[in-house]
């Protein structure tokens, strides 16, 4: 009677003693993108203050011709060469990728 539990325990422990299949470690090269410096607080405040007043915040035009004139003028303030949209675009371009750095890191072990 005592032999059965002892044999069962020995059998279970024998399973722990065997070495299973080997584990393979793989290495993977990862490219990390570093961001450039974003606009400082002063540039942000300057751009925010220089933003043209949106049409929705202005008084309603009294005629269709006045509406077309206001819309054309507003479009010029936003999208004219060197105007607000170009200034914002230039400020945001500084936040984009400055350089790429390649790093090799140890990967997670894969078991078959």
N, C-alpha and C. Protein backbone atom coordinates (compact mmCIF):
# COMPACT_ATOMS: atom_id res chain seq x y z
N UNK A 1 0.80 -1.18 0.00
CA UNK A 1 0.00 0.00 0.00
C UNK A 1 0.86 1.27 0.00
N UNK A 2 1.89 1.24 0.81
CA UNK A 2 2.74 2.42 0.87
C UNK A 2 3.56 2.58 -0.40
N UNK A 3 3.76 1.54 -1.09
CA UNK A 3 4.59 1.56 -2.29
C UNK A 3 3.95 2.38 -3.40
N UNK A 4 2.64 2.36 -3.50
CA UNK A 4 1.95 3.06 -4.58
C UNK A 4 2.12 4.58 -4.44
N UNK A 5 1.88 5.19 -3.28
CA UNK A 5 2.09 6.66 -3.20
C UNK A 5 3.54 7.05 -3.40
N UNK A 6 4.46 6.26 -2.91
CA UNK A 6 5.88 6.58 -3.08
C UNK A 6 6.26 6.47 -4.55
N UNK A 7 5.78 5.45 -5.21
CA UNK A 7 6.06 5.28 -6.64
C UNK A 7 5.44 6.43 -7.44
N UNK A 8 4.25 6.87 -7.06
CA UNK A 8 3.59 7.98 -7.75
C UNK A 8 4.36 9.28 -7.56
N UNK A 9 4.82 9.54 -6.37
CA UNK A 9 5.61 10.75 -6.09
C UNK A 9 6.93 10.70 -6.85
N UNK A 10 7.59 9.54 -6.84
CA UNK A 10 8.86 9.39 -7.56
C UNK A 10 8.64 9.60 -9.06
N UNK A 11 7.55 9.10 -9.59
CA UNK A 11 7.23 9.26 -11.01
C UNK A 11 7.02 10.73 -11.35
N UNK A 12 6.30 11.48 -10.49
CA UNK A 12 6.06 12.90 -10.74
C UNK A 12 7.35 13.71 -10.65
N UNK A 13 8.19 13.38 -9.67
CA UNK A 13 9.45 14.10 -9.54
C UNK A 13 10.40 13.78 -10.69
N UNK A 14 10.31 12.61 -11.23
CA UNK A 14 11.16 12.24 -12.35
C UNK A 14 10.83 13.09 -13.57
N UNK A 15 9.59 13.50 -13.69
CA UNK A 15 9.19 14.37 -14.80
C UNK A 15 9.85 15.74 -14.70
N UNK A 16 10.10 16.20 -13.49
CA UNK A 16 10.75 17.50 -13.29
C UNK A 16 12.24 17.41 -13.57
N UNK A 17 12.82 16.26 -13.41
CA UNK A 17 14.26 16.10 -13.55
C UNK A 17 14.69 16.04 -15.01
N UNK A 18 13.82 15.72 -15.91
CA UNK A 18 14.23 15.60 -17.32
C UNK A 18 14.31 16.99 -17.93
N UNK A 19 15.22 17.14 -18.84
CA UNK A 19 15.32 18.42 -19.55
C UNK A 19 14.43 18.32 -20.77
N UNK A 20 13.60 19.30 -20.94
CA UNK A 20 12.68 19.32 -22.08
C UNK A 20 13.40 19.78 -23.33
N UNK A 21 12.65 20.23 -24.26
CA UNK A 21 13.24 20.73 -25.50
C UNK A 21 13.97 22.04 -25.22
N UNK A 22 15.08 22.27 -25.88
CA UNK A 22 15.84 23.49 -25.63
C UNK A 22 15.04 24.73 -26.07
N UNK A 23 15.29 25.82 -25.40
CA UNK A 23 14.62 27.09 -25.72
C UNK A 23 15.57 27.92 -26.57
N UNK A 24 15.05 28.47 -27.64
CA UNK A 24 15.87 29.27 -28.54
C UNK A 24 15.64 30.75 -28.24
N UNK A 25 16.73 31.50 -28.11
CA UNK A 25 16.64 32.94 -27.90
C UNK A 25 16.93 33.62 -29.22
N UNK A 26 16.06 34.52 -29.61
CA UNK A 26 16.25 35.22 -30.88
C UNK A 26 16.53 36.69 -30.60
N UNK A 27 17.32 37.30 -31.46
CA UNK A 27 17.62 38.72 -31.36
C UNK A 27 16.94 39.43 -32.51
N UNK A 28 16.41 40.60 -32.22
CA UNK A 28 15.70 41.36 -33.23
C UNK A 28 16.22 42.79 -33.21
N UNK A 29 16.48 43.34 -34.39
CA UNK A 29 16.91 44.73 -34.49
C UNK A 29 15.67 45.61 -34.56
N UNK A 30 15.62 46.59 -33.68
CA UNK A 30 14.47 47.48 -33.60
C UNK A 30 14.93 48.89 -33.96
N UNK A 31 14.19 49.55 -34.86
CA UNK A 31 14.49 50.93 -35.20
C UNK A 31 13.61 51.84 -34.36
N UNK A 32 14.24 52.72 -33.61
CA UNK A 32 13.52 53.64 -32.72
C UNK A 32 13.60 55.03 -33.32
N UNK A 33 12.46 55.70 -33.41
CA UNK A 33 12.43 57.05 -33.96
C UNK A 33 12.44 58.06 -32.82
N UNK A 34 13.36 58.99 -32.89
CA UNK A 34 13.44 60.02 -31.87
C UNK A 34 12.74 61.27 -32.40
N UNK A 35 11.94 61.88 -31.55
CA UNK A 35 11.25 63.11 -31.94
C UNK A 35 12.16 64.30 -31.69
N UNK A 36 12.04 65.26 -32.58
CA UNK A 36 12.80 66.50 -32.42
C UNK A 36 12.14 67.38 -31.38
N UNK A 37 12.77 68.49 -31.06
CA UNK A 37 12.19 69.39 -30.06
C UNK A 37 10.93 70.05 -30.60
N UNK A 38 9.87 70.02 -29.84
CA UNK A 38 8.61 70.65 -30.25
C UNK A 38 8.69 72.14 -29.97
N UNK A 39 7.75 72.91 -30.49
CA UNK A 39 7.79 74.36 -30.22
C UNK A 39 7.76 74.64 -28.72
N UNK A 40 8.52 75.63 -28.35
CA UNK A 40 8.53 76.02 -26.93
C UNK A 40 7.24 76.76 -26.59
N UNK A 41 7.09 77.06 -25.32
CA UNK A 41 5.85 77.68 -24.84
C UNK A 41 5.62 79.05 -25.48
N UNK A 42 6.69 79.82 -25.69
CA UNK A 42 6.57 81.15 -26.28
C UNK A 42 6.07 81.06 -27.73
N UNK A 43 6.60 80.11 -28.49
CA UNK A 43 6.15 79.92 -29.87
C UNK A 43 4.69 79.50 -29.90
N UNK A 44 4.32 78.60 -28.99
CA UNK A 44 2.94 78.14 -28.92
C UNK A 44 1.99 79.31 -28.63
N UNK A 45 2.35 80.12 -27.65
CA UNK A 45 1.51 81.26 -27.29
C UNK A 45 1.43 82.27 -28.43
N UNK A 46 2.55 82.49 -29.13
CA UNK A 46 2.55 83.43 -30.26
C UNK A 46 1.63 82.93 -31.37
N UNK A 47 1.70 81.64 -31.68
CA UNK A 47 0.85 81.08 -32.74
C UNK A 47 -0.62 81.12 -32.32
N UNK A 48 -0.88 80.83 -31.07
CA UNK A 48 -2.26 80.84 -30.58
C UNK A 48 -2.85 82.25 -30.65
N UNK A 49 -2.04 83.24 -30.28
CA UNK A 49 -2.52 84.63 -30.30
C UNK A 49 -2.68 85.17 -31.72
N UNK A 50 -1.87 84.69 -32.66
CA UNK A 50 -1.93 85.21 -34.02
C UNK A 50 -2.95 84.48 -34.90
N UNK A 51 -3.63 83.48 -34.34
CA UNK A 51 -4.63 82.75 -35.12
C UNK A 51 -5.78 83.69 -35.51
N UNK A 52 -6.13 83.71 -36.79
CA UNK A 52 -7.24 84.57 -37.21
C UNK A 52 -8.55 84.16 -36.52
N UNK A 53 -9.39 85.13 -36.27
CA UNK A 53 -10.67 84.88 -35.63
C UNK A 53 -11.56 84.08 -36.58
N UNK A 54 -12.02 82.89 -36.19
CA UNK A 54 -12.84 82.07 -37.10
C UNK A 54 -14.14 82.77 -37.49
N UNK A 55 -14.62 82.46 -38.68
CA UNK A 55 -15.87 83.06 -39.17
C UNK A 55 -17.04 82.79 -38.24
N UNK A 56 -17.06 81.62 -37.63
CA UNK A 56 -18.18 81.28 -36.75
C UNK A 56 -18.25 82.18 -35.53
N UNK A 57 -17.13 82.84 -35.19
CA UNK A 57 -17.10 83.74 -34.04
C UNK A 57 -17.33 85.20 -34.43
N UNK A 58 -17.48 85.47 -35.72
CA UNK A 58 -17.69 86.84 -36.18
C UNK A 58 -19.18 87.08 -36.40
N UNK A 59 -19.54 88.36 -36.52
CA UNK A 59 -20.94 88.71 -36.79
C UNK A 59 -21.34 88.18 -38.17
N UNK A 60 -22.60 87.78 -38.29
CA UNK A 60 -23.08 87.24 -39.56
C UNK A 60 -23.09 88.32 -40.62
N UNK A 61 -22.66 87.99 -41.85
CA UNK A 61 -22.67 88.99 -42.91
C UNK A 61 -24.11 89.33 -43.31
N UNK A 62 -24.28 90.56 -43.79
CA UNK A 62 -25.63 91.01 -44.15
C UNK A 62 -26.01 90.60 -45.57
N UNK A 63 -25.05 90.28 -46.39
CA UNK A 63 -25.37 89.88 -47.77
C UNK A 63 -24.44 88.77 -48.22
N UNK A 64 -24.80 88.18 -49.35
CA UNK A 64 -23.98 87.11 -49.91
C UNK A 64 -22.62 87.62 -50.36
N UNK A 65 -22.59 88.82 -50.92
CA UNK A 65 -21.33 89.40 -51.39
C UNK A 65 -20.38 89.65 -50.21
N UNK A 66 -20.94 90.13 -49.11
CA UNK A 66 -20.12 90.36 -47.92
C UNK A 66 -19.58 89.04 -47.37
N UNK A 67 -20.41 88.00 -47.43
CA UNK A 67 -19.98 86.67 -46.96
C UNK A 67 -18.83 86.15 -47.81
N UNK A 68 -18.94 86.30 -49.13
CA UNK A 68 -17.87 85.84 -50.02
C UNK A 68 -16.60 86.64 -49.75
N UNK A 69 -16.73 87.94 -49.56
CA UNK A 69 -15.55 88.77 -49.30
C UNK A 69 -14.88 88.38 -47.98
N UNK A 70 -15.68 88.15 -46.94
CA UNK A 70 -15.12 87.74 -45.65
C UNK A 70 -14.44 86.38 -45.74
N UNK A 71 -15.09 85.45 -46.43
CA UNK A 71 -14.53 84.11 -46.56
C UNK A 71 -13.22 84.15 -47.32
N UNK A 72 -13.15 84.94 -48.38
CA UNK A 72 -11.91 85.06 -49.15
C UNK A 72 -10.80 85.68 -48.31
N UNK A 73 -11.16 86.72 -47.54
CA UNK A 73 -10.16 87.36 -46.68
C UNK A 73 -9.68 86.40 -45.60
N UNK A 74 -10.59 85.64 -45.05
CA UNK A 74 -10.24 84.67 -43.99
C UNK A 74 -9.33 83.59 -44.55
N UNK A 75 -9.64 83.12 -45.74
CA UNK A 75 -8.80 82.11 -46.38
C UNK A 75 -7.40 82.65 -46.60
N UNK A 76 -7.29 83.92 -46.98
CA UNK A 76 -5.98 84.54 -47.17
C UNK A 76 -5.21 84.63 -45.87
N UNK A 77 -5.91 84.89 -44.75
CA UNK A 77 -5.23 84.98 -43.45
C UNK A 77 -4.72 83.61 -43.00
N UNK A 78 -5.45 82.57 -43.34
CA UNK A 78 -5.04 81.23 -42.95
C UNK A 78 -3.99 80.65 -43.89
N UNK A 79 -4.27 80.72 -45.18
CA UNK A 79 -3.46 79.96 -46.13
C UNK A 79 -2.56 80.79 -47.03
N UNK A 80 -2.51 82.09 -46.84
CA UNK A 80 -1.60 82.90 -47.64
C UNK A 80 -0.16 82.48 -47.36
N UNK A 81 0.72 82.77 -48.32
CA UNK A 81 2.12 82.36 -48.16
C UNK A 81 2.74 83.04 -46.94
N UNK A 82 3.30 82.23 -46.06
CA UNK A 82 3.93 82.72 -44.84
C UNK A 82 2.93 83.12 -43.76
N UNK A 83 1.67 82.85 -43.98
CA UNK A 83 0.65 83.24 -43.01
C UNK A 83 0.51 82.17 -41.94
N UNK A 84 -0.59 82.16 -41.23
CA UNK A 84 -0.76 81.34 -40.03
C UNK A 84 -0.56 79.85 -40.28
N UNK A 85 -1.14 79.31 -41.34
CA UNK A 85 -1.01 77.87 -41.60
C UNK A 85 0.45 77.48 -41.85
N UNK A 86 1.20 78.32 -42.56
CA UNK A 86 2.62 78.03 -42.80
C UNK A 86 3.44 78.13 -41.52
N UNK A 87 3.09 79.09 -40.67
CA UNK A 87 3.82 79.25 -39.41
C UNK A 87 3.59 78.04 -38.50
N UNK A 88 2.35 77.57 -38.44
CA UNK A 88 2.04 76.40 -37.63
C UNK A 88 2.72 75.16 -38.20
N UNK A 89 2.68 75.04 -39.51
CA UNK A 89 3.32 73.89 -40.15
C UNK A 89 4.82 73.86 -39.86
N UNK A 90 5.46 75.01 -39.93
CA UNK A 90 6.90 75.07 -39.64
C UNK A 90 7.18 74.71 -38.18
N UNK A 91 6.31 75.17 -37.28
CA UNK A 91 6.50 74.84 -35.86
C UNK A 91 6.31 73.36 -35.61
N UNK A 92 5.33 72.76 -36.26
CA UNK A 92 5.07 71.33 -36.05
C UNK A 92 6.10 70.45 -36.74
N UNK A 93 6.69 70.93 -37.82
CA UNK A 93 7.73 70.15 -38.50
C UNK A 93 8.92 69.89 -37.57
N UNK A 94 9.15 70.79 -36.62
CA UNK A 94 10.25 70.58 -35.68
C UNK A 94 9.96 69.43 -34.74
N UNK A 95 8.69 69.06 -34.59
CA UNK A 95 8.32 67.95 -33.70
C UNK A 95 8.47 66.60 -34.38
N UNK A 96 8.63 66.60 -35.67
CA UNK A 96 8.69 65.34 -36.39
C UNK A 96 10.04 64.68 -36.19
N UNK A 97 10.26 63.61 -36.89
CA UNK A 97 11.44 62.77 -36.73
C UNK A 97 12.71 63.57 -36.95
N UNK A 98 13.59 63.54 -35.97
CA UNK A 98 14.87 64.21 -36.08
C UNK A 98 15.91 63.26 -36.65
N UNK A 99 15.90 62.03 -36.21
CA UNK A 99 16.85 61.02 -36.67
C UNK A 99 16.30 59.65 -36.32
N UNK A 100 16.92 58.66 -36.89
CA UNK A 100 16.54 57.28 -36.55
C UNK A 100 17.71 56.61 -35.87
N UNK A 101 17.42 55.85 -34.87
CA UNK A 101 18.45 55.14 -34.13
C UNK A 101 18.13 53.66 -34.18
N UNK A 102 19.14 52.85 -34.50
CA UNK A 102 18.93 51.42 -34.53
C UNK A 102 19.54 50.81 -33.28
N UNK A 103 18.78 49.92 -32.68
CA UNK A 103 19.21 49.31 -31.43
C UNK A 103 18.96 47.82 -31.51
N UNK A 104 19.88 47.03 -31.02
CA UNK A 104 19.68 45.59 -30.97
C UNK A 104 19.37 45.22 -29.53
N UNK A 105 18.23 44.54 -29.36
CA UNK A 105 17.82 44.16 -28.02
C UNK A 105 17.59 42.66 -27.97
N UNK A 106 17.73 42.12 -26.78
CA UNK A 106 17.51 40.69 -26.61
C UNK A 106 16.02 40.44 -26.63
N UNK A 107 15.60 39.45 -27.43
CA UNK A 107 14.20 39.16 -27.56
C UNK A 107 13.68 38.21 -26.50
N UNK A 108 12.43 37.94 -26.55
CA UNK A 108 11.79 37.02 -25.63
C UNK A 108 12.05 35.61 -26.13
N UNK A 109 12.28 34.71 -25.21
CA UNK A 109 12.57 33.33 -25.60
C UNK A 109 11.31 32.69 -26.17
N UNK A 110 11.50 32.04 -27.30
CA UNK A 110 10.39 31.31 -27.94
C UNK A 110 10.55 29.84 -27.64
N UNK A 111 9.49 29.21 -27.23
CA UNK A 111 9.58 27.77 -27.04
C UNK A 111 8.82 27.10 -28.17
N UNK A 112 9.38 26.04 -28.73
CA UNK A 112 8.74 25.38 -29.87
C UNK A 112 7.46 24.67 -29.49
